[in-house]
Every structure is written in structure tokens, then in C-alpha cells.
Full PDB file with SEQRES, HELIX, SHEET, SSBOND, CRYST1, ORIGX, SCALE, CONECT and MASTER records, all heavy atoms in Angstrom:
SEQRES   1 A   41  VAL LYS ALA LEU GLU THR MET VAL GLN THR ASN SER LEU          
SEQRES   2 A   41  PRO CYS ASN VAL LYS PHE LEU ILE GLU GLY GLU GLU GLU          
SEQRES   3 A   41  VAL GLY SER PRO ASN LEU ALA THR PHE VAL LYS ALA ASN          
SEQRES   4 A   41  LYS ALA                                                      
HELIX    1 AA1 LYS A    2  GLN A    9  1                                   8    
HELIX    2 AA2 GLU A   25  VAL A   27  5                                   3    
HELIX    3 AA3 LEU A   32  ALA A   38  1                                   7    
CRYST1    1.000    1.000    1.000  90.00  90.00  90.00 P 1           1          
ORIGX1      1.000000  0.000000  0.000000        0.00000                         
ORIGX2      0.000000  1.000000  0.000000        0.00000                         
ORIGX3      0.000000  0.000000  1.000000        0.00000                         
SCALE1      1.000000  0.000000  0.000000        0.00000                         
SCALE2      0.000000  1.000000  0.000000        0.00000                         
SCALE3      0.000000  0.000000  1.000000        0.00000                         
ATOM      1  N   VAL A   1       0.839  -1.199   0.000  1.00  0.00           N  
ATOM      2  CA  VAL A   1       0.000   0.000   0.000  1.00  0.00           C  
ATOM      3  C   VAL A   1       0.873   1.247   0.000  1.00  0.00           C  
ATOM      4  O   VAL A   1       0.629   2.204  -0.745  1.00  0.00           O  
ATOM      5  CB  VAL A   1      -0.945  -0.004   1.220  1.00  0.00           C  
ATOM      6  CG1 VAL A   1      -1.811   1.256   1.239  1.00  0.00           C  
ATOM      7  CG2 VAL A   1      -1.833  -1.254   1.212  1.00  0.00           C  
ATOM      8  N   LYS A   2       1.922   1.234   0.818  1.00  0.00           N  
ATOM      9  CA  LYS A   2       2.816   2.397   0.887  1.00  0.00           C  
ATOM     10  C   LYS A   2       3.722   2.485  -0.346  1.00  0.00           C  
ATOM     11  O   LYS A   2       4.110   3.590  -0.751  1.00  0.00           O  
ATOM     12  CB  LYS A   2       3.647   2.334   2.162  1.00  0.00           C  
ATOM     13  CG  LYS A   2       2.827   2.458   3.446  1.00  0.00           C  
ATOM     14  CD  LYS A   2       2.116   3.808   3.561  1.00  0.00           C  
ATOM     15  CE  LYS A   2       0.692   3.807   3.089  1.00  0.00           C  
ATOM     16  NZ  LYS A   2       0.022   5.129   3.255  1.00  0.00           N  
ATOM     17  N   ALA A   3       4.032   1.356  -0.950  1.00  0.00           N  
ATOM     18  CA  ALA A   3       4.793   1.385  -2.204  1.00  0.00           C  
ATOM     19  C   ALA A   3       3.942   2.012  -3.310  1.00  0.00           C  
ATOM     20  O   ALA A   3       4.449   2.787  -4.133  1.00  0.00           O  
ATOM     21  CB  ALA A   3       5.224  -0.019  -2.593  1.00  0.00           C  
ATOM     22  N   LEU A   4       2.645   1.666  -3.330  1.00  0.00           N  
ATOM     23  CA  LEU A   4       1.751   2.288  -4.295  1.00  0.00           C  
ATOM     24  C   LEU A   4       1.711   3.793  -4.090  1.00  0.00           C  
ATOM     25  O   LEU A   4       1.820   4.569  -5.052  1.00  0.00           O  
ATOM     26  CB  LEU A   4       0.343   1.704  -4.160  1.00  0.00           C  
ATOM     27  CG  LEU A   4      -0.731   2.399  -5.017  1.00  0.00           C  
ATOM     28  CD1 LEU A   4      -0.473   2.160  -6.501  1.00  0.00           C  
ATOM     29  CD2 LEU A   4      -2.133   1.926  -4.621  1.00  0.00           C  
ATOM     30  N   GLU A   5       1.538   4.218  -2.851  1.00  0.00           N  
ATOM     31  CA  GLU A   5       1.518   5.658  -2.563  1.00  0.00           C  
ATOM     32  C   GLU A   5       2.796   6.332  -3.049  1.00  0.00           C  
ATOM     33  O   GLU A   5       2.766   7.402  -3.661  1.00  0.00           O  
ATOM     34  CB  GLU A   5       1.352   5.891  -1.063  1.00  0.00           C  
ATOM     35  CG  GLU A   5       1.382   7.369  -0.687  1.00  0.00           C  
ATOM     36  CD  GLU A   5       1.363   7.606   0.816  1.00  0.00           C  
ATOM     37  OE1 GLU A   5       0.637   6.883   1.530  1.00  0.00           O  
ATOM     38  OE2 GLU A   5       2.081   8.518   1.278  1.00  0.00           O  
ATOM     39  N   THR A   6       3.918   5.691  -2.784  1.00  0.00           N  
ATOM     40  CA  THR A   6       5.208   6.246  -3.200  1.00  0.00           C  
ATOM     41  C   THR A   6       5.247   6.475  -4.703  1.00  0.00           C  
ATOM     42  O   THR A   6       5.644   7.551  -5.180  1.00  0.00           O  
ATOM     43  CB  THR A   6       6.354   5.306  -2.790  1.00  0.00           C  
ATOM     44  OG1 THR A   6       6.385   5.175  -1.362  1.00  0.00           O  
ATOM     45  CG2 THR A   6       7.698   5.827  -3.280  1.00  0.00           C  
ATOM     46  N   MET A   7       4.821   5.479  -5.465  1.00  0.00           N  
ATOM     47  CA  MET A   7       4.879   5.586  -6.916  1.00  0.00           C  
ATOM     48  C   MET A   7       3.852   6.570  -7.467  1.00  0.00           C  
ATOM     49  O   MET A   7       4.129   7.312  -8.420  1.00  0.00           O  
ATOM     50  CB  MET A   7       4.704   4.193  -7.547  1.00  0.00           C  
ATOM     51  CG  MET A   7       5.858   3.245  -7.253  1.00  0.00           C  
ATOM     52  SD  MET A   7       5.673   1.607  -8.029  1.00  0.00           S  
ATOM     53  CE  MET A   7       4.396   0.872  -6.992  1.00  0.00           C  
ATOM     54  N   VAL A   8       2.656   6.591  -6.868  1.00  0.00           N  
ATOM     55  CA  VAL A   8       1.619   7.515  -7.331  1.00  0.00           C  
ATOM     56  C   VAL A   8       2.027   8.961  -7.047  1.00  0.00           C  
ATOM     57  O   VAL A   8       1.935   9.842  -7.918  1.00  0.00           O  
ATOM     58  CB  VAL A   8       0.266   7.200  -6.663  1.00  0.00           C  
ATOM     59  CG1 VAL A   8      -0.748   8.310  -6.928  1.00  0.00           C  
ATOM     60  CG2 VAL A   8      -0.278   5.864  -7.161  1.00  0.00           C  
ATOM     61  N   GLN A   9       2.491   9.219  -5.841  1.00  0.00           N  
ATOM     62  CA  GLN A   9       2.834  10.580  -5.446  1.00  0.00           C  
ATOM     63  C   GLN A   9       4.070  11.116  -6.165  1.00  0.00           C  
ATOM     64  O   GLN A   9       4.269  12.330  -6.243  1.00  0.00           O  
ATOM     65  CB  GLN A   9       3.034  10.659  -3.930  1.00  0.00           C  
ATOM     66  CG  GLN A   9       1.758  10.455  -3.128  1.00  0.00           C  
ATOM     67  CD  GLN A   9       0.701  11.516  -3.437  1.00  0.00           C  
ATOM     68  OE1 GLN A   9       1.008  12.690  -3.588  1.00  0.00           O  
ATOM     69  NE2 GLN A   9      -0.552  11.087  -3.547  1.00  0.00           N  
ATOM     70  N   THR A  10       4.901  10.238  -6.679  1.00  0.00           N  
ATOM     71  CA  THR A  10       6.096  10.671  -7.424  1.00  0.00           C  
ATOM     72  C   THR A  10       5.907  10.509  -8.933  1.00  0.00           C  
ATOM     73  O   THR A  10       6.874  10.609  -9.689  1.00  0.00           O  
ATOM     74  CB  THR A  10       7.333   9.876  -6.966  1.00  0.00           C  
ATOM     75  OG1 THR A  10       7.088   8.467  -7.141  1.00  0.00           O  
ATOM     76  CG2 THR A  10       7.663  10.154  -5.505  1.00  0.00           C  
ATOM     77  N   ASN A  11       4.635  10.248  -9.334  1.00  0.00           N  
ATOM     78  CA  ASN A  11       4.289  10.119 -10.756  1.00  0.00           C  
ATOM     79  C   ASN A  11       5.211   9.130 -11.485  1.00  0.00           C  
ATOM     80  O   ASN A  11       5.714   9.408 -12.570  1.00  0.00           O  
ATOM     81  CB  ASN A  11       4.354  11.491 -11.448  1.00  0.00           C  
ATOM     82  CG  ASN A  11       3.353  12.476 -10.874  1.00  0.00           C  
ATOM     83  OD1 ASN A  11       2.170  12.165 -10.751  1.00  0.00           O  
ATOM     84  ND2 ASN A  11       3.828  13.664 -10.502  1.00  0.00           N  
ATOM     85  N   SER A  12       5.421   7.985 -10.873  1.00  0.00           N  
ATOM     86  CA  SER A  12       6.375   7.021 -11.436  1.00  0.00           C  
ATOM     87  C   SER A  12       5.850   5.593 -11.444  1.00  0.00           C  
ATOM     88  O   SER A  12       6.620   4.641 -11.495  1.00  0.00           O  
ATOM     89  CB  SER A  12       7.685   7.073 -10.644  1.00  0.00           C  
ATOM     90  OG  SER A  12       7.454   6.805  -9.265  1.00  0.00           O  
ATOM     91  N   LEU A  13       4.531   5.429 -11.404  1.00  0.00           N  
ATOM     92  CA  LEU A  13       3.955   4.083 -11.411  1.00  0.00           C  
ATOM     93  C   LEU A  13       4.124   3.465 -12.802  1.00  0.00           C  
ATOM     94  O   LEU A  13       3.570   3.969 -13.777  1.00  0.00           O  
ATOM     95  CB  LEU A  13       2.473   4.140 -11.035  1.00  0.00           C  
ATOM     96  CG  LEU A  13       1.742   2.799 -10.920  1.00  0.00           C  
ATOM     97  CD1 LEU A  13       2.333   1.949  -9.825  1.00  0.00           C  
ATOM     98  CD2 LEU A  13       0.253   3.030 -10.668  1.00  0.00           C  
ATOM     99  N   PRO A  14       4.886   2.380 -12.915  1.00  0.00           N  
ATOM    100  CA  PRO A  14       5.176   1.810 -14.244  1.00  0.00           C  
ATOM    101  C   PRO A  14       4.200   0.741 -14.707  1.00  0.00           C  
ATOM    102  O   PRO A  14       4.247   0.312 -15.862  1.00  0.00           O  
ATOM    103  CB  PRO A  14       6.571   1.213 -14.060  1.00  0.00           C  
ATOM    104  CG  PRO A  14       6.617   0.830 -12.622  1.00  0.00           C  
ATOM    105  CD  PRO A  14       5.706   1.759 -11.876  1.00  0.00           C  
ATOM    106  N   CYS A  15       3.328   0.258 -13.827  1.00  0.00           N  
ATOM    107  CA  CYS A  15       2.386  -0.814 -14.152  1.00  0.00           C  
ATOM    108  C   CYS A  15       1.008  -0.468 -13.615  1.00  0.00           C  
ATOM    109  O   CYS A  15       0.860   0.375 -12.728  1.00  0.00           O  
ATOM    110  CB  CYS A  15       2.820  -2.134 -13.530  1.00  0.00           C  
ATOM    111  SG  CYS A  15       4.420  -2.764 -14.033  1.00  0.00           S  
ATOM    112  N   ASN A  16       0.012  -1.143 -14.126  1.00  0.00           N  
ATOM    113  CA  ASN A  16      -1.299  -1.120 -13.490  1.00  0.00           C  
ATOM    114  C   ASN A  16      -1.220  -2.020 -12.256  1.00  0.00           C  
ATOM    115  O   ASN A  16      -0.557  -3.063 -12.283  1.00  0.00           O  
ATOM    116  CB  ASN A  16      -2.372  -1.638 -14.442  1.00  0.00           C  
ATOM    117  CG  ASN A  16      -2.397  -0.877 -15.753  1.00  0.00           C  
ATOM    118  OD1 ASN A  16      -2.480   0.344 -15.763  1.00  0.00           O  
ATOM    119  ND2 ASN A  16      -2.306  -1.601 -16.861  1.00  0.00           N  
ATOM    120  N   VAL A  17      -1.899  -1.623 -11.188  1.00  0.00           N  
ATOM    121  CA  VAL A  17      -1.833  -2.396  -9.944  1.00  0.00           C  
ATOM    122  C   VAL A  17      -3.239  -2.670  -9.427  1.00  0.00           C  
ATOM    123  O   VAL A  17      -4.090  -1.779  -9.404  1.00  0.00           O  
ATOM    124  CB  VAL A  17      -1.025  -1.659  -8.863  1.00  0.00           C  
ATOM    125  CG1 VAL A  17      -0.887  -2.545  -7.622  1.00  0.00           C  
ATOM    126  CG2 VAL A  17       0.351  -1.267  -9.367  1.00  0.00           C  
ATOM    127  N   LYS A  18      -3.475  -3.916  -9.033  1.00  0.00           N  
ATOM    128  CA  LYS A  18      -4.725  -4.299  -8.389  1.00  0.00           C  
ATOM    129  C   LYS A  18      -4.404  -4.909  -7.022  1.00  0.00           C  
ATOM    130  O   LYS A  18      -3.341  -5.502  -6.840  1.00  0.00           O  
ATOM    131  CB  LYS A  18      -5.496  -5.302  -9.243  1.00  0.00           C  
ATOM    132  CG  LYS A  18      -5.959  -4.745 -10.591  1.00  0.00           C  
ATOM    133  CD  LYS A  18      -6.713  -5.789 -11.403  1.00  0.00           C  
ATOM    134  CE  LYS A  18      -7.218  -5.203 -12.716  1.00  0.00           C  
ATOM    135  NZ  LYS A  18      -7.971  -6.204 -13.528  1.00  0.00           N  
ATOM    136  N   PHE A  19      -5.327  -4.760  -6.099  1.00  0.00           N  
ATOM    137  CA  PHE A  19      -5.166  -5.329  -4.761  1.00  0.00           C  
ATOM    138  C   PHE A  19      -6.345  -6.240  -4.447  1.00  0.00           C  
ATOM    139  O   PHE A  19      -7.504  -5.886  -4.702  1.00  0.00           O  
ATOM    140  CB  PHE A  19      -5.125  -4.237  -3.693  1.00  0.00           C  
ATOM    141  CG  PHE A  19      -3.835  -3.475  -3.626  1.00  0.00           C  
ATOM    142  CD1 PHE A  19      -3.582  -2.441  -4.520  1.00  0.00           C  
ATOM    143  CD2 PHE A  19      -2.876  -3.767  -2.662  1.00  0.00           C  
ATOM    144  CE1 PHE A  19      -2.397  -1.722  -4.460  1.00  0.00           C  
ATOM    145  CE2 PHE A  19      -1.687  -3.058  -2.594  1.00  0.00           C  
ATOM    146  CZ  PHE A  19      -1.443  -2.028  -3.501  1.00  0.00           C  
ATOM    147  N   LEU A  20      -6.055  -7.393  -3.883  1.00  0.00           N  
ATOM    148  CA  LEU A  20      -7.073  -8.298  -3.359  1.00  0.00           C  
ATOM    149  C   LEU A  20      -6.644  -8.654  -1.938  1.00  0.00           C  
ATOM    150  O   LEU A  20      -5.738  -9.460  -1.734  1.00  0.00           O  
ATOM    151  CB  LEU A  20      -7.188  -9.555  -4.216  1.00  0.00           C  
ATOM    152  CG  LEU A  20      -8.149 -10.643  -3.719  1.00  0.00           C  
ATOM    153  CD1 LEU A  20      -9.565 -10.099  -3.604  1.00  0.00           C  
ATOM    154  CD2 LEU A  20      -8.125 -11.852  -4.632  1.00  0.00           C  
ATOM    155  N   ILE A  21      -7.279  -8.014  -0.967  1.00  0.00           N  
ATOM    156  CA  ILE A  21      -6.919  -8.220   0.443  1.00  0.00           C  
ATOM    157  C   ILE A  21      -8.108  -8.894   1.130  1.00  0.00           C  
ATOM    158  O   ILE A  21      -9.163  -8.287   1.315  1.00  0.00           O  
ATOM    159  CB  ILE A  21      -6.591  -6.881   1.146  1.00  0.00           C  
ATOM    160  CG1 ILE A  21      -5.609  -6.043   0.294  1.00  0.00           C  
ATOM    161  CG2 ILE A  21      -6.024  -7.145   2.530  1.00  0.00           C  
ATOM    162  CD1 ILE A  21      -4.272  -6.694   0.054  1.00  0.00           C  
ATOM    163  N   GLU A  22      -7.955 -10.148   1.495  1.00  0.00           N  
ATOM    164  CA  GLU A  22      -9.072 -10.915   2.050  1.00  0.00           C  
ATOM    165  C   GLU A  22      -9.021 -11.000   3.574  1.00  0.00           C  
ATOM    166  O   GLU A  22      -8.020 -10.640   4.206  1.00  0.00           O  
ATOM    167  CB  GLU A  22      -9.107 -12.320   1.445  1.00  0.00           C  
ATOM    168  CG  GLU A  22      -7.975 -13.218   1.887  1.00  0.00           C  
ATOM    169  CD  GLU A  22      -8.356 -14.696   1.830  1.00  0.00           C  
ATOM    170  OE1 GLU A  22      -9.509 -15.042   2.165  1.00  0.00           O  
ATOM    171  OE2 GLU A  22      -7.481 -15.509   1.465  1.00  0.00           O  
ATOM    172  N   GLY A  23     -10.104 -11.525   4.151  1.00  0.00           N  
ATOM    173  CA  GLY A  23     -10.197 -11.613   5.599  1.00  0.00           C  
ATOM    174  C   GLY A  23     -10.390 -13.022   6.115  1.00  0.00           C  
ATOM    175  O   GLY A  23     -10.876 -13.205   7.243  1.00  0.00           O  
ATOM    176  N   GLU A  24      -9.992 -14.029   5.332  1.00  0.00           N  
ATOM    177  CA  GLU A  24     -10.217 -15.409   5.768  1.00  0.00           C  
ATOM    178  C   GLU A  24      -9.039 -16.332   5.516  1.00  0.00           C  
ATOM    179  O   GLU A  24      -9.194 -17.553   5.580  1.00  0.00           O  
ATOM    180  CB  GLU A  24     -11.463 -15.978   5.076  1.00  0.00           C  
ATOM    181  CG  GLU A  24     -12.751 -15.252   5.429  1.00  0.00           C  
ATOM    182  CD  GLU A  24     -13.973 -15.902   4.813  1.00  0.00           C  
ATOM    183  OE1 GLU A  24     -13.874 -16.501   3.725  1.00  0.00           O  
ATOM    184  OE2 GLU A  24     -15.046 -15.812   5.438  1.00  0.00           O  
ATOM    185  N   GLU A  25      -7.857 -15.797   5.257  1.00  0.00           N  
ATOM    186  CA  GLU A  25      -6.709 -16.658   4.963  1.00  0.00           C  
ATOM    187  C   GLU A  25      -6.383 -17.568   6.134  1.00  0.00           C  
ATOM    188  O   GLU A  25      -6.029 -18.741   5.946  1.00  0.00           O  
ATOM    189  CB  GLU A  25      -5.496 -15.804   4.588  1.00  0.00           C  
ATOM    190  CG  GLU A  25      -4.376 -16.573   3.919  1.00  0.00           C  
ATOM    191  CD  GLU A  25      -3.389 -17.232   4.879  1.00  0.00           C  
ATOM    192  OE1 GLU A  25      -3.420 -16.884   6.079  1.00  0.00           O  
ATOM    193  OE2 GLU A  25      -2.587 -18.075   4.445  1.00  0.00           O  
ATOM    194  N   GLU A  26      -6.493 -17.054   7.336  1.00  0.00           N  
ATOM    195  CA  GLU A  26      -6.115 -17.835   8.515  1.00  0.00           C  
ATOM    196  C   GLU A  26      -7.113 -18.931   8.855  1.00  0.00           C  
ATOM    197  O   GLU A  26      -6.865 -19.740   9.744  1.00  0.00           O  
ATOM    198  CB  GLU A  26      -5.927 -16.910   9.723  1.00  0.00           C  
ATOM    199  CG  GLU A  26      -4.809 -15.873   9.573  1.00  0.00           C  
ATOM    200  CD  GLU A  26      -3.409 -16.475   9.507  1.00  0.00           C  
ATOM    201  OE1 GLU A  26      -3.282 -17.709   9.464  1.00  0.00           O  
ATOM    202  OE2 GLU A  26      -2.438 -15.697   9.507  1.00  0.00           O  
ATOM    203  N   VAL A  27      -8.247 -18.966   8.158  1.00  0.00           N  
ATOM    204  CA  VAL A  27      -9.209 -20.053   8.357  1.00  0.00           C  
ATOM    205  C   VAL A  27      -9.407 -20.838   7.064  1.00  0.00           C  
ATOM    206  O   VAL A  27     -10.410 -21.532   6.885  1.00  0.00           O  
ATOM    207  CB  VAL A  27     -10.561 -19.525   8.889  1.00  0.00           C  
ATOM    208  CG1 VAL A  27     -10.415 -19.018  10.305  1.00  0.00           C  
ATOM    209  CG2 VAL A  27     -11.133 -18.438   7.977  1.00  0.00           C  
ATOM    210  N   GLY A  28      -8.438 -20.733   6.144  1.00  0.00           N  
ATOM    211  CA  GLY A  28      -8.470 -21.551   4.945  1.00  0.00           C  
ATOM    212  C   GLY A  28      -9.130 -20.931   3.735  1.00  0.00           C  
ATOM    213  O   GLY A  28      -9.396 -21.627   2.747  1.00  0.00           O  
ATOM    214  N   SER A  29      -9.439 -19.623   3.781  1.00  0.00           N  
ATOM    215  CA  SER A  29     -10.042 -18.905   2.639  1.00  0.00           C  
ATOM    216  C   SER A  29     -11.268 -19.632   2.080  1.00  0.00           C  
ATOM    217  O   SER A  29     -11.362 -19.883   0.877  1.00  0.00           O  
ATOM    218  CB  SER A  29      -9.003 -18.722   1.527  1.00  0.00           C  
ATOM    219  OG  SER A  29      -7.865 -18.042   1.995  1.00  0.00           O  
ATOM    220  N   PRO A  30     -12.256 -19.969   2.916  1.00  0.00           N  
ATOM    221  CA  PRO A  30     -13.386 -20.780   2.450  1.00  0.00           C  
ATOM    222  C   PRO A  30     -14.261 -20.112   1.398  1.00  0.00           C  
ATOM    223  O   PRO A  30     -14.956 -20.806   0.641  1.00  0.00           O  
ATOM    224  CB  PRO A  30     -14.181 -21.045   3.731  1.00  0.00           C  
ATOM    225  CG  PRO A  30     -13.812 -19.924   4.647  1.00  0.00           C  
ATOM    226  CD  PRO A  30     -12.378 -19.643   4.352  1.00  0.00           C  
ATOM    227  N   ASN A  31     -14.257 -18.772   1.339  1.00  0.00           N  
ATOM    228  CA  ASN A  31     -15.136 -18.086   0.401  1.00  0.00           C  
ATOM    229  C   ASN A  31     -14.398 -17.406  -0.749  1.00  0.00           C  
ATOM    230  O   ASN A  31     -15.028 -16.787  -1.608  1.00  0.00           O  
ATOM    231  CB  ASN A  31     -15.981 -17.047   1.152  1.00  0.00           C  
ATOM    232  CG  ASN A  31     -16.942 -17.685   2.131  1.00  0.00           C  
ATOM    233  OD1 ASN A  31     -17.874 -18.380   1.748  1.00  0.00           O  
ATOM    234  ND2 ASN A  31     -16.695 -17.487   3.415  1.00  0.00           N  
ATOM    235  N   LEU A  32     -13.084 -17.529  -0.767  1.00  0.00           N  
ATOM    236  CA  LEU A  32     -12.312 -16.844  -1.795  1.00  0.00           C  
ATOM    237  C   LEU A  32     -12.523 -17.474  -3.173  1.00  0.00           C  
ATOM    238  O   LEU A  32     -12.592 -16.762  -4.183  1.00  0.00           O  
ATOM    239  CB  LEU A  32     -10.822 -16.841  -1.441  1.00  0.00           C  
ATOM    240  CG  LEU A  32      -9.949 -15.951  -2.332  1.00  0.00           C  
ATOM    241  CD1 LEU A  32     -10.367 -14.488  -2.211  1.00  0.00           C  
ATOM    242  CD2 LEU A  32      -8.476 -16.103  -1.967  1.00  0.00           C  
ATOM    243  N   ALA A  33     -12.618 -18.786  -3.239  1.00  0.00           N  
ATOM    244  CA  ALA A  33     -12.794 -19.450  -4.529  1.00  0.00           C  
ATOM    245  C   ALA A  33     -14.055 -18.964  -5.226  1.00  0.00           C  
ATOM    246  O   ALA A  33     -14.055 -18.684  -6.436  1.00  0.00           O  
ATOM    247  CB  ALA A  33     -12.841 -20.964  -4.343  1.00  0.00           C  
ATOM    248  N   THR A  34     -15.137 -18.835  -4.480  1.00  0.00           N  
ATOM    249  CA  THR A  34     -16.401 -18.352  -5.045  1.00  0.00           C  
ATOM    250  C   THR A  34     -16.224 -16.941  -5.600  1.00  0.00           C  
ATOM    251  O   THR A  34     -16.697 -16.625  -6.702  1.00  0.00           O  
ATOM    252  CB  THR A  34     -17.498 -18.359  -3.971  1.00  0.00           C  
ATOM    253  OG1 THR A  34     -17.661 -19.687  -3.486  1.00  0.00           O  
ATOM    254  CG2 THR A  34     -18.812 -17.858  -4.536  1.00  0.00           C  
ATOM    255  N   PHE A  35     -15.520 -16.096  -4.846  1.00  0.00           N  
ATOM    256  CA  PHE A  35     -15.297 -14.714  -5.288  1.00  0.00           C  
ATOM    257  C   PHE A  35     -14.442 -14.672  -6.549  1.00  0.00           C  
ATOM    258  O   PHE A  35     -14.757 -13.949  -7.502  1.00  0.00           O  
ATOM    259  CB  PHE A  35     -14.624 -13.919  -4.171  1.00  0.00           C  
ATOM    260  CG  PHE A  35     -14.305 -12.499  -4.557  1.00  0.00           C  
ATOM    261  CD1 PHE A  35     -15.278 -11.513  -4.508  1.00  0.00           C  
ATOM    262  CD2 PHE A  35     -13.029 -12.153  -4.985  1.00  0.00           C  
ATOM    263  CE1 PHE A  35     -14.991 -10.200  -4.881  1.00  0.00           C  
ATOM    264  CE2 PHE A  35     -12.731 -10.849  -5.357  1.00  0.00           C  
ATOM    265  CZ  PHE A  35     -13.714  -9.873  -5.312  1.00  0.00           C  
ATOM    266  N   VAL A  36     -13.368 -15.418  -6.547  1.00  0.00           N  
ATOM    267  CA  VAL A  36     -12.458 -15.402  -7.694  1.00  0.00           C  
ATOM    268  C   VAL A  36     -13.163 -15.912  -8.954  1.00  0.00           C  
ATOM    269  O   VAL A  36     -13.063 -15.309 -10.034  1.00  0.00           O  
ATOM    270  CB  VAL A  36     -11.194 -16.240  -7.401  1.00  0.00           C  
ATOM    271  CG1 VAL A  36     -10.342 -16.399  -8.662  1.00  0.00           C  
ATOM    272  CG2 VAL A  36     -10.369 -15.582  -6.296  1.00  0.00           C  
ATOM    273  N   LYS A  37     -13.902 -17.011  -8.836  1.00  0.00           N  
ATOM    274  CA  LYS A  37     -14.601 -17.573  -9.992  1.00  0.00           C  
ATOM    275  C   LYS A  37     -15.636 -16.606 -10.560  1.00  0.00           C  
ATOM    276  O   LYS A  37     -15.871 -16.568 -11.770  1.00  0.00           O  
ATOM    277  CB  LYS A  37     -15.270 -18.889  -9.594  1.00  0.00           C  
ATOM    278  CG  LYS A  37     -14.297 -20.016  -9.313  1.00  0.00           C  
ATOM    279  CD  LYS A  37     -15.015 -21.257  -8.798  1.00  0.00           C  
ATOM    280  CE  LYS A  37     -14.018 -22.358  -8.451  1.00  0.00           C  
ATOM    281  NZ  LYS A  37     -14.693 -23.555  -7.884  1.00  0.00           N  
ATOM    282  N   ALA A  38     -16.248 -15.813  -9.674  1.00  0.00           N  
ATOM    283  CA  ALA A  38     -17.295 -14.880 -10.105  1.00  0.00           C  
ATOM    284  C   ALA A  38     -16.729 -13.551 -10.600  1.00  0.00           C  
ATOM    285  O   ALA A  38     -17.478 -12.730 -11.153  1.00  0.00           O  
ATOM    286  CB  ALA A  38     -18.268 -14.631  -8.952  1.00  0.00           C  
ATOM    287  N   ASN A  39     -15.422 -13.327 -10.407  1.00  0.00           N  
ATOM    288  CA  ASN A  39     -14.842 -12.018 -10.732  1.00  0.00           C  
ATOM    289  C   ASN A  39     -13.552 -12.130 -11.533  1.00  0.00           C  
ATOM    290  O   ASN A  39     -12.598 -11.380 -11.309  1.00  0.00           O  
ATOM    291  CB  ASN A  39     -14.595 -11.223  -9.441  1.00  0.00           C  
ATOM    292  CG  ASN A  39     -15.874 -10.830  -8.736  1.00  0.00           C  
ATOM    293  OD1 ASN A  39     -16.522  -9.857  -9.091  1.00  0.00           O  
ATOM    294  ND2 ASN A  39     -16.244 -11.609  -7.732  1.00  0.00           N  
ATOM    295  N   LYS A  40     -13.522 -13.059 -12.470  1.00  0.00           N  
ATOM    296  CA  LYS A  40     -12.300 -13.265 -13.251  1.00  0.00           C  
ATOM    297  C   LYS A  40     -11.916 -12.035 -14.060  1.00  0.00           C  
ATOM    298  O   LYS A  40     -10.730 -11.707 -14.174  1.00  0.00           O  
ATOM    299  CB  LYS A  40     -12.472 -14.474 -14.173  1.00  0.00           C  
ATOM    300  CG  LYS A  40     -12.548 -15.802 -13.436  1.00  0.00           C  
ATOM    301  CD  LYS A  40     -12.629 -16.964 -14.414  1.00  0.00           C  
ATOM    302  CE  LYS A  40     -12.724 -18.295 -13.682  1.00  0.00           C  
ATOM    303  NZ  LYS A  40     -12.789 -19.437 -14.626  1.00  0.00           N  
ATOM    304  N   ALA A  41     -12.885 -11.350 -14.620  1.00  0.00           N  
ATOM    305  CA  ALA A  41     -12.583 -10.148 -15.407  1.00  0.00           C  
ATOM    306  C   ALA A  41     -12.032  -9.045 -14.509  1.00  0.00           C  
ATOM    307  O   ALA A  41     -11.089  -8.340 -14.873  1.00  0.00           O  
ATOM    308  CB  ALA A  41     -13.836  -9.670 -16.130  1.00  0.00           C  
TER     309      ALA A  41                                                      
MASTER        0    0    0    3    0    0    0    6  308    1    0    4          
END                                                                             
């Protein structure tokens, strides 16, 4: 997140960036597969 800020604020972002920050990794990501399959685009 802070690396993104650094690049945006210095007008030097060389790539498009997307973030996927989930809230269930520590319990096995039970709902992530459904989300990913429904949001491939």
C-alpha cells in the first residue's frame, strides 16, 4: 500500500496495480474461490 503511494505521489507508477486483500486466509479462505470464480474479469 505504501509502495503504491510512493509511486503515485512521485508520478512514477510503471504498471497497473490491483489489490485483493481478504479476511479469511487464517481459516483456509473458504469463500475466496467463489469470489475469484465470479470475478475473473
